[in-house]
Amino acid sequence: MKENKGALPIGKGRPAAARSEGKPEPAATSLHQRILGDIQGYILSGQWEPGRKIPVEHELMEQYRCSRMTVNKALTQLARAGIIVRRRKVGSFVGKPHSQSAVLSIPDIKTEVDALGLPYRFEVLERRRRRATRDDRALLGADEAVPLLELVCRHFAKDQPFCIEYRLINLQAVAGAATETFAEISPGAWLLRQVPWNMAEHRIRAAGAEPEVAARLKVKTGSPCLIVERTTRNKTIPVTFVRLTYPGNLHELVATFTTLSSAAA
């Protein structure tokens, strides 16, 4: 049998001898989740890039030693989530970037991950309370050295790092952040619920992953990343600055515009 370059190196399935004739296969559900998790892992890690063809159904059936129904169930779920694209008589391919953020709104990262049909979690990697430096003041647009809470968080889509969040919170504007543990809710989601704002500025750029960020995202140093920087204010008072770093092959930004007249701009 020739080696298939698209084959999954993991996920060997159960030995045929372990299956009993005339009885339903008890491992069908676990195999479905196993196939799902293996393919998601290769795509979300960037190892399988957009447009790559994945193994066809009969190859997956042979590799995992399972029924076509089990394989089809996993591929269908991946297609519904937009992670893969299935083309009749051609095969299944890794989809284009499938996490979307609205450029003119402030989305919650959990919402972005939920839209992929994947479990979400986050962790706080660093937390410091300090005075703002000159660089911090420039990022926040603050006129003075305000007290800050500095946070670094990592967000996950299933088991894969989805985004690194670097955040400065002005404690003069949001005193409650100093005592919030962020154990149950991420800083961004907490701020959206707790703090009013009436002005936001987005900066969007592409850059290669710095070594520390690359390690945290589990990508190679220099890998293309999409970076979204945002400053929010309540009237004239700076509230927070955040820098969100996404692996470039997993994220895209979408904006919808409505014209005020019939004339095209």
C-alpha atoms as a PDB file:
ATOM      1  CA  MET A   1       0.000   0.000   0.000  1.00  0.00           C
ATOM      2  CA  LYS A   2       1.425   3.368  -0.967  1.00  0.00           C
ATOM      3  CA  GLU A   3       1.915   5.991   1.686  1.00  0.00           C
ATOM      4  CA  ASN A   4      -0.605   8.824   1.567  1.00  0.00           C
ATOM      5  CA  LYS A   5       1.016  12.178   2.304  1.00  0.00           C
ATOM      6  CA  GLY A   6      -2.285  13.487   3.648  1.00  0.00           C
ATOM      7  CA  ALA A   7      -2.764  10.633   6.097  1.00  0.00           C
ATOM      8  CA  LEU A   8      -2.969  11.374   9.771  1.00  0.00           C
ATOM      9  CA  PRO A   9       0.070  10.005  11.596  1.00  0.00           C
ATOM     10  CA  ILE A  10      -2.074   9.412  14.666  1.00  0.00           C
ATOM     11  CA  GLY A  11      -5.441   7.789  15.104  1.00  0.00           C
ATOM     12  CA  LYS A  12      -4.899   4.112  14.321  1.00  0.00           C
ATOM     13  CA  GLY A  13      -8.412   3.066  15.315  1.00  0.00           C
ATOM     14  CA  ARG A  14      -9.370  -0.164  17.074  1.00  0.00           C
ATOM     15  CA  PRO A  15      -8.094  -3.574  15.929  1.00  0.00           C
ATOM     16  CA  ALA A  16     -10.678  -5.389  13.837  1.00  0.00           C
ATOM     17  CA  ALA A  17     -10.568  -8.305  16.269  1.00  0.00           C
ATOM     18  CA  ALA A  18     -11.982  -6.057  18.982  1.00  0.00           C
ATOM     19  CA  ARG A  19     -15.254  -5.657  17.093  1.00  0.00           C
ATOM     20  CA  SER A  20     -18.044  -8.153  17.731  1.00  0.00           C
ATOM     21  CA  GLU A  21     -20.236  -9.396  14.901  1.00  0.00           C
ATOM     22  CA  GLY A  22     -23.878  -8.471  15.071  1.00  0.00           C
ATOM     23  CA  LYS A  23     -23.392  -5.895  17.830  1.00  0.00           C
ATOM     24  CA  PRO A  24     -23.266  -2.095  17.572  1.00  0.00           C
ATOM     25  CA  GLU A  25     -19.755  -0.712  17.708  1.00  0.00           C
ATOM     26  CA  PRO A  26     -19.365   0.828  21.195  1.00  0.00           C
ATOM     27  CA  ALA A  27     -16.333   2.899  20.161  1.00  0.00           C
ATOM     28  CA  ALA A  28     -18.164   4.678  17.324  1.00  0.00           C
ATOM     29  CA  THR A  29     -18.758   7.849  19.330  1.00  0.00           C
ATOM     30  CA  SER A  30     -15.205   7.988  20.681  1.00  0.00           C
ATOM     31  CA  LEU A  31     -13.788   7.331  17.224  1.00  0.00           C
ATOM     32  CA  HIS A  32     -15.910  10.128  15.803  1.00  0.00           C
ATOM     33  CA  GLN A  33     -14.493  12.499  18.425  1.00  0.00           C
ATOM     34  CA  ARG A  34     -10.998  11.164  17.814  1.00  0.00           C
ATOM     35  CA  ILE A  35     -11.157  11.789  14.070  1.00  0.00           C
ATOM     36  CA  LEU A  36     -12.682  15.209  14.712  1.00  0.00           C
ATOM     37  CA  GLY A  37      -9.980  16.133  17.215  1.00  0.00           C
ATOM     38  CA  ASP A  38      -7.098  14.876  15.073  1.00  0.00           C
ATOM     39  CA  ILE A  39      -8.152  16.843  11.991  1.00  0.00           C
ATOM     40  CA  GLN A  40      -8.967  19.981  14.005  1.00  0.00           C
ATOM     41  CA  GLY A  41      -5.569  19.769  15.662  1.00  0.00           C
ATOM     42  CA  TYR A  42      -3.649  19.689  12.398  1.00  0.00           C
ATOM     43  CA  ILE A  43      -5.662  22.597  10.975  1.00  0.00           C
ATOM     44  CA  LEU A  44      -5.687  24.855  14.041  1.00  0.00           C
ATOM     45  CA  SER A  45      -1.968  24.300  14.637  1.00  0.00           C
ATOM     46  CA  GLY A  46      -1.253  25.505  11.081  1.00  0.00           C
ATOM     47  CA  GLN A  47       0.339  22.201  10.088  1.00  0.00           C
ATOM     48  CA  TRP A  48      -2.390  21.768   7.472  1.00  0.00           C
ATOM     49  CA  GLU A  49      -2.719  25.045   5.600  1.00  0.00           C
ATOM     50  CA  PRO A  50      -5.849  26.379   3.834  1.00  0.00           C
ATOM     51  CA  GLY A  51      -6.496  24.552   0.567  1.00  0.00           C
ATOM     52  CA  ARG A  52      -4.732  21.340   1.554  1.00  0.00           C
ATOM     53  CA  LYS A  53      -6.601  18.169   0.654  1.00  0.00           C
ATOM     54  CA  ILE A  54      -7.300  15.887   3.591  1.00  0.00           C
ATOM     55  CA  PRO A  55      -7.530  12.074   3.399  1.00  0.00           C
ATOM     56  CA  VAL A  56     -10.635  10.773   1.643  1.00  0.00           C
ATOM     57  CA  GLU A  57     -13.310   8.800   3.461  1.00  0.00           C
ATOM     58  CA  HIS A  58     -12.098   5.297   2.614  1.00  0.00           C
ATOM     59  CA  GLU A  59      -8.567   6.187   3.752  1.00  0.00           C
ATOM     60  CA  LEU A  60      -9.881   7.431   7.082  1.00  0.00           C
ATOM     61  CA  MET A  61     -12.066   4.330   7.409  1.00  0.00           C
ATOM     62  CA  GLU A  62      -9.019   2.110   6.910  1.00  0.00           C
ATOM     63  CA  GLN A  63      -6.787   4.164   9.188  1.00  0.00           C
ATOM     64  CA  TYR A  64      -9.246   4.332  12.098  1.00  0.00           C
ATOM     65  CA  ARG A  65     -10.848   0.937  11.331  1.00  0.00           C
ATOM     66  CA  CYS A  66     -14.318   2.341  11.594  1.00  0.00           C
ATOM     67  CA  SER A  67     -17.483   2.652   9.544  1.00  0.00           C
ATOM     68  CA  ARG A  68     -18.103   5.155   6.786  1.00  0.00           C
ATOM     69  CA  MET A  69     -20.928   6.592   8.897  1.00  0.00           C
ATOM     70  CA  THR A  70     -18.454   7.480  11.673  1.00  0.00           C
ATOM     71  CA  VAL A  71     -16.071   9.183   9.247  1.00  0.00           C
ATOM     72  CA  ASN A  72     -18.884  10.995   7.462  1.00  0.00           C
ATOM     73  CA  LYS A  73     -20.267  12.286  10.769  1.00  0.00           C
ATOM     74  CA  ALA A  74     -16.897  13.813  11.701  1.00  0.00           C
ATOM     75  CA  LEU A  75     -16.348  15.389   8.261  1.00  0.00           C
ATOM     76  CA  THR A  76     -19.882  16.760   8.186  1.00  0.00           C
ATOM     77  CA  GLN A  77     -19.392  18.436  11.563  1.00  0.00           C
ATOM     78  CA  LEU A  78     -16.109  19.970  10.417  1.00  0.00           C
ATOM     79  CA  ALA A  79     -17.751  21.248   7.224  1.00  0.00           C
ATOM     80  CA  ARG A  80     -20.659  22.811   9.136  1.00  0.00           C
ATOM     81  CA  ALA A  81     -18.170  24.666  11.329  1.00  0.00           C
ATOM     82  CA  GLY A  82     -16.423  25.979   8.201  1.00  0.00           C
ATOM     83  CA  ILE A  83     -13.171  24.234   9.122  1.00  0.00           C
ATOM     84  CA  ILE A  84     -13.146  22.134   5.959  1.00  0.00           C
ATOM     85  CA  VAL A  85     -14.819  22.403   2.554  1.00  0.00           C
ATOM     86  CA  ARG A  86     -16.282  19.257   0.991  1.00  0.00           C
ATOM     87  CA  ARG A  87     -16.472  19.081  -2.787  1.00  0.00           C
ATOM     88  CA  ARG A  88     -18.474  16.302  -4.361  1.00  0.00           C
ATOM     89  CA  LYS A  89     -16.368  13.793  -6.326  1.00  0.00           C
ATOM     90  CA  VAL A  90     -13.244  15.817  -5.539  1.00  0.00           C
ATOM     91  CA  GLY A  91     -12.664  15.496  -1.792  1.00  0.00           C
ATOM     92  CA  SER A  92     -12.375  17.563   1.372  1.00  0.00           C
ATOM     93  CA  PHE A  93     -10.039  20.513   1.783  1.00  0.00           C
ATOM     94  CA  VAL A  94      -8.899  22.744   4.633  1.00  0.00           C
ATOM     95  CA  GLY A  95     -11.086  25.841   4.568  1.00  0.00           C
ATOM     96  CA  LYS A  96      -9.996  29.445   4.346  1.00  0.00           C
ATOM     97  CA  PRO A  97      -9.497  31.402   7.594  1.00  0.00           C
ATOM     98  CA  HIS A  98     -12.661  30.714   9.476  1.00  0.00           C
ATOM     99  CA  SER A  99     -12.674  32.927  12.512  1.00  0.00           C
ATOM    100  CA  GLN A 100     -14.098  36.353  11.753  1.00  0.00           C
ATOM    101  CA  SER A 101     -13.990  39.552  13.786  1.00  0.00           C
ATOM    102  CA  ALA A 102     -16.020  42.620  12.964  1.00  0.00           C
ATOM    103  CA  VAL A 103     -13.594  45.480  12.507  1.00  0.00           C
ATOM    104  CA  LEU A 104     -16.068  48.104  13.676  1.00  0.00           C
ATOM    105  CA  SER A 105     -17.228  46.279  16.806  1.00  0.00           C
ATOM    106  CA  ILE A 106     -15.622  44.826  19.919  1.00  0.00           C
ATOM    107  CA  PRO A 107     -16.257  41.072  19.871  1.00  0.00           C
ATOM    108  CA  ASP A 108     -15.662  38.666  22.735  1.00  0.00           C
ATOM    109  CA  ILE A 109     -13.013  36.066  21.859  1.00  0.00           C
ATOM    110  CA  LYS A 110     -15.201  33.337  23.331  1.00  0.00           C
ATOM    111  CA  THR A 111     -17.877  34.244  20.770  1.00  0.00           C
ATOM    112  CA  GLU A 112     -15.319  33.874  17.963  1.00  0.00           C
ATOM    113  CA  VAL A 113     -14.348  30.395  19.163  1.00  0.00           C
ATOM    114  CA  ASP A 114     -17.967  29.365  19.765  1.00  0.00           C
ATOM    115  CA  ALA A 115     -18.687  30.257  16.132  1.00  0.00           C
ATOM    116  CA  LEU A 116     -16.191  27.557  15.112  1.00  0.00           C
ATOM    117  CA  GLY A 117     -18.108  24.938  17.067  1.00  0.00           C
ATOM    118  CA  LEU A 118     -15.104  24.330  19.339  1.00  0.00           C
ATOM    119  CA  PRO A 119     -14.788  24.364  23.139  1.00  0.00           C
ATOM    120  CA  TYR A 120     -13.282  27.561  24.533  1.00  0.00           C
ATOM    121  CA  ARG A 121     -11.058  28.213  27.520  1.00  0.00           C
ATOM    122  CA  PHE A 122      -8.482  30.794  28.555  1.00  0.00           C
ATOM    123  CA  GLU A 123      -5.697  31.214  31.054  1.00  0.00           C
ATOM    124  CA  VAL A 124      -4.015  34.230  32.637  1.00  0.00           C
ATOM    125  CA  LEU A 125      -0.268  33.906  32.037  1.00  0.00           C
ATOM    126  CA  GLU A 126       0.912  37.162  33.610  1.00  0.00           C
ATOM    127  CA  ARG A 127      -0.617  39.743  35.934  1.00  0.00           C
ATOM    128  CA  ARG A 128       1.075  42.888  37.259  1.00  0.00           C
ATOM    129  CA  ARG A 129      -0.154  46.027  38.989  1.00  0.00           C
ATOM    130  CA  ARG A 130       2.089  49.035  38.353  1.00  0.00           C
ATOM    131  CA  ARG A 131       2.317  52.664  37.271  1.00  0.00           C
ATOM    132  CA  ALA A 132       2.112  53.541  33.597  1.00  0.00           C
ATOM    133  CA  THR A 133       5.388  54.170  31.809  1.00  0.00           C
ATOM    134  CA  ARG A 134       5.810  56.671  28.994  1.00  0.00           C
ATOM    135  CA  ASP A 135       5.203  53.875  26.455  1.00  0.00           C
ATOM    136  CA  ASP A 136       2.063  52.771  28.307  1.00  0.00           C
ATOM    137  CA  ARG A 137       0.708  56.312  28.301  1.00  0.00           C
ATOM    138  CA  ALA A 138       1.229  56.485  24.542  1.00  0.00           C
ATOM    139  CA  LEU A 139      -0.687  53.231  24.034  1.00  0.00           C
ATOM    140  CA  LEU A 140      -3.558  54.314  26.280  1.00  0.00           C
ATOM    141  CA  GLY A 141      -3.563  57.955  25.242  1.00  0.00           C
ATOM    142  CA  ALA A 142      -3.225  58.932  28.915  1.00  0.00           C
ATOM    143  CA  ASP A 143      -2.001  62.356  29.992  1.00  0.00           C
ATOM    144  CA  GLU A 144      -0.505  61.129  33.258  1.00  0.00           C
ATOM    145  CA  ALA A 145       1.129  58.072  34.819  1.00  0.00           C
ATOM    146  CA  VAL A 146      -2.064  56.304  35.871  1.00  0.00           C
ATOM    147  CA  PRO A 147      -2.109  53.076  37.905  1.00  0.00           C
ATOM    148  CA  LEU A 148      -2.363  50.057  35.625  1.00  0.00           C
ATOM    149  CA  LEU A 149      -3.231  46.406  35.652  1.00  0.00           C
ATOM    150  CA  GLU A 150      -1.122  44.601  33.023  1.00  0.00           C
ATOM    151  CA  LEU A 151      -2.378  41.201  31.852  1.00  0.00           C
ATOM    152  CA  VAL A 152      -1.266  38.537  29.396  1.00  0.00           C
ATOM    153  CA  CYS A 153      -3.825  35.841  28.560  1.00  0.00           C
ATOM    154  CA  ARG A 154      -3.902  32.878  26.211  1.00  0.00           C
ATOM    155  CA  HIS A 155      -7.178  31.833  24.592  1.00  0.00           C
ATOM    156  CA  PHE A 156      -7.774  28.333  23.253  1.00  0.00           C
ATOM    157  CA  ALA A 157      -9.996  26.735  20.624  1.00  0.00           C
ATOM    158  CA  LYS A 158     -10.183  23.174  21.926  1.00  0.00           C
ATOM    159  CA  ASP A 159      -6.548  22.307  22.685  1.00  0.00           C
ATOM    160  CA  GLN A 160      -4.949  24.749  20.243  1.00  0.00           C
ATOM    161  CA  PRO A 161      -3.854  28.301  21.175  1.00  0.00           C
ATOM    162  CA  PHE A 162      -6.204  30.678  19.362  1.00  0.00           C
ATOM    163  CA  CYS A 163      -5.035  34.115  20.458  1.00  0.00           C
ATOM    164  CA  ILE A 164      -2.573  35.859  22.793  1.00  0.00           C
ATOM    165  CA  GLU A 165      -4.037  38.874  24.599  1.00  0.00           C
ATOM    166  CA  TYR A 166      -1.836  41.631  26.027  1.00  0.00           C
ATOM    167  CA  ARG A 167      -3.906  44.171  27.964  1.00  0.00           C
ATOM    168  CA  LEU A 168      -3.438  47.359  29.994  1.00  0.00           C
ATOM    169  CA  ILE A 169      -6.375  48.463  32.174  1.00  0.00           C
ATOM    170  CA  ASN A 170      -6.487  51.973  33.618  1.00  0.00           C
ATOM    171  CA  LEU A 171      -7.340  51.430  37.294  1.00  0.00           C
ATOM    172  CA  GLN A 172      -8.412  55.055  37.681  1.00  0.00           C
ATOM    173  CA  ALA A 173     -11.217  54.302  35.214  1.00  0.00           C
ATOM    174  CA  VAL A 174     -11.840  50.687  36.253  1.00  0.00           C
ATOM    175  CA  ALA A 175     -10.958  50.309  39.927  1.00  0.00           C
ATOM    176  CA  GLY A 176     -12.780  46.977  40.196  1.00  0.00           C
ATOM    177  CA  ALA A 177     -10.274  45.290  37.880  1.00  0.00           C
ATOM    178  CA  ALA A 178      -7.659  45.406  40.655  1.00  0.00           C
ATOM    179  CA  THR A 179      -9.554  42.841  42.726  1.00  0.00           C
ATOM    180  CA  GLU A 180     -11.140  40.804  39.904  1.00  0.00           C
ATOM    181  CA  THR A 181      -9.425  37.404  39.668  1.00  0.00           C
ATOM    182  CA  PHE A 182     -10.426  36.707  36.037  1.00  0.00           C
ATOM    183  CA  ALA A 183     -10.687  33.059  37.009  1.00  0.00           C
ATOM    184  CA  GLU A 184     -14.136  32.549  35.476  1.00  0.00           C
ATOM    185  CA  ILE A 185     -14.333  35.318  32.882  1.00  0.00           C
ATOM    186  CA  SER A 186     -11.701  36.753  30.571  1.00  0.00           C
ATOM    187  CA  PRO A 187     -10.607  40.407  30.975  1.00  0.00           C
ATOM    188  CA  GLY A 188     -12.148  41.456  27.654  1.00  0.00           C
ATOM    189  CA  ALA A 189     -15.519  39.868  28.405  1.00  0.00           C
ATOM    190  CA  TRP A 190     -15.494  41.329  31.922  1.00  0.00           C
ATOM    191  CA  LEU A 191     -14.782  44.839  30.620  1.00  0.00           C
ATOM    192  CA  LEU A 192     -17.543  44.586  28.015  1.00  0.00           C
ATOM    193  CA  ARG A 193     -20.040  43.797  30.793  1.00  0.00           C
ATOM    194  CA  GLN A 194     -18.782  46.206  33.438  1.00  0.00           C
ATOM    195  CA  VAL A 195     -17.433  49.358  31.847  1.00  0.00           C
ATOM    196  CA  PRO A 196     -19.162  51.822  29.534  1.00  0.00           C
ATOM    197  CA  TRP A 197     -17.163  53.208  26.624  1.00  0.00           C
ATOM    198  CA  ASN A 198     -18.055  55.587  23.820  1.00  0.00           C
ATOM    199  CA  MET A 199     -14.935  55.619  21.683  1.00  0.00           C
ATOM    200  CA  ALA A 200     -12.726  52.890  20.288  1.00  0.00           C
ATOM    201  CA  GLU A 201      -9.791  52.916  17.906  1.00  0.00           C
ATOM    202  CA  HIS A 202      -8.579  49.862  16.003  1.00  0.00           C
ATOM    203  CA  ARG A 203      -5.157  49.310  14.498  1.00  0.00           C
ATOM    204  CA  ILE A 204      -4.663  46.224  12.359  1.00  0.00           C
ATOM    205  CA  ARG A 205      -1.350  44.954  11.054  1.00  0.00           C
ATOM    206  CA  ALA A 206       0.508  41.827  10.047  1.00  0.00           C
ATOM    207  CA  ALA A 207       3.801  40.808  11.625  1.00  0.00           C
ATOM    208  CA  GLY A 208       6.009  37.806  12.194  1.00  0.00           C
ATOM    209  CA  ALA A 209       5.610  36.109  15.560  1.00  0.00           C
ATOM    210  CA  GLU A 210       8.227  37.143  18.119  1.00  0.00           C
ATOM    211  CA  PRO A 211       9.893  34.200  19.921  1.00  0.00           C
ATOM    212  CA  GLU A 212       7.871  34.505  23.157  1.00  0.00           C
ATOM    213  CA  VAL A 213       4.540  34.914  21.355  1.00  0.00           C
ATOM    214  CA  ALA A 214       5.419  32.129  18.912  1.00  0.00           C
ATOM    215  CA  ALA A 215       6.097  29.747  21.800  1.00  0.00           C
ATOM    216  CA  ARG A 216       2.785  30.612  23.411  1.00  0.00           C
ATOM    217  CA  LEU A 217       0.875  30.189  20.147  1.00  0.00           C
ATOM    218  CA  LYS A 218       2.819  26.989  19.367  1.00  0.00           C
ATOM    219  CA  VAL A 219       3.934  28.282  15.976  1.00  0.00           C
ATOM    220  CA  LYS A 220       7.391  28.880  14.532  1.00  0.00           C
ATOM    221  CA  THR A 221       9.167  32.154  15.263  1.00  0.00           C
ATOM    222  CA  GLY A 222       8.471  34.548  12.415  1.00  0.00           C
ATOM    223  CA  SER A 223       5.207  32.850  11.425  1.00  0.00           C
ATOM    224  CA  PRO A 224       2.717  35.374   9.988  1.00  0.00           C
ATOM    225  CA  CYS A 225       0.327  36.725  12.583  1.00  0.00           C
ATOM    226  CA  LEU A 226      -2.603  39.108  12.476  1.00  0.00           C
ATOM    227  CA  ILE A 227      -2.370  41.732  15.213  1.00  0.00           C
ATOM    228  CA  VAL A 228      -5.343  43.802  16.320  1.00  0.00           C
ATOM    229  CA  GLU A 229      -4.638  46.697  18.683  1.00  0.00           C
ATOM    230  CA  ARG A 230      -7.525  48.520  20.281  1.00  0.00           C
ATOM    231  CA  THR A 231      -7.850  51.478  22.640  1.00  0.00           C
ATOM    232  CA  THR A 232     -11.185  52.272  24.283  1.00  0.00           C
ATOM    233  CA  ARG A 233     -12.181  55.430  26.117  1.00  0.00           C
ATOM    234  CA  ASN A 234     -15.103  56.671  28.183  1.00  0.00           C
ATOM    235  CA  LYS A 235     -15.417  60.269  27.049  1.00  0.00           C
ATOM    236  CA  THR A 236     -11.892  61.631  27.631  1.00  0.00           C
ATOM    237  CA  ILE A 237     -10.777  58.898  30.047  1.00  0.00           C
ATOM    238  CA  PRO A 238      -8.755  55.965  28.659  1.00  0.00           C
ATOM    239  CA  VAL A 239     -10.189  52.620  29.761  1.00  0.00           C
ATOM    240  CA  THR A 240      -8.014  49.918  28.229  1.00  0.00           C
ATOM    241  CA  PHE A 241      -5.474  49.066  25.571  1.00  0.00           C
ATOM    242  CA  VAL A 242      -5.353  45.536  24.176  1.00  0.00           C
ATOM    243  CA  ARG A 243      -3.154  43.788  21.642  1.00  0.00           C
ATOM    244  CA  LEU A 244      -4.598  40.554  20.237  1.00  0.00           C
ATOM    245  CA  THR A 245      -2.228  38.310  18.276  1.00  0.00           C
ATOM    246  CA  TYR A 246      -3.743  35.555  16.116  1.00  0.00           C
ATOM    247  CA  PRO A 247      -1.985  32.980  13.920  1.00  0.00           C
ATOM    248  CA  GLY A 248      -2.373  34.538  10.474  1.00  0.00           C
ATOM    249  CA  ASN A 249      -3.800  31.461   8.779  1.00  0.00           C
ATOM    250  CA  LEU A 250      -6.694  31.149  11.228  1.00  0.00           C
ATOM    251  CA  HIS A 251      -8.271  34.582  11.354  1.00  0.00           C
ATOM    252  CA  GLU A 252      -9.768  37.248   9.147  1.00  0.00           C
ATOM    253  CA  LEU A 253     -11.389  40.602   9.825  1.00  0.00           C
ATOM    254  CA  VAL A 254     -14.716  41.557   8.330  1.00  0.00           C
ATOM    255  CA  ALA A 255     -16.397  44.944   8.154  1.00  0.00           C
ATOM    256  CA  THR A 256     -19.831  45.773   6.753  1.00  0.00           C
ATOM    257  CA  PHE A 257     -20.529  49.313   5.563  1.00  0.00           C
ATOM    258  CA  THR A 258     -23.808  50.994   4.693  1.00  0.00           C
ATOM    259  CA  THR A 259     -23.831  54.069   2.482  1.00  0.00           C
ATOM    260  CA  LEU A 260     -25.879  57.105   3.443  1.00  0.00           C
ATOM    261  CA  SER A 261     -26.878  57.738  -0.167  1.00  0.00           C
ATOM    262  CA  SER A 262     -27.125  55.844  -3.410  1.00  0.00           C
ATOM    263  CA  ALA A 263     -23.824  57.239  -4.619  1.00  0.00           C
ATOM    264  CA  ALA A 264     -20.947  54.770  -4.539  1.00  0.00           C
ATOM    265  CA  ALA A 265     -17.779  55.917  -2.788  1.00  0.00           C
END
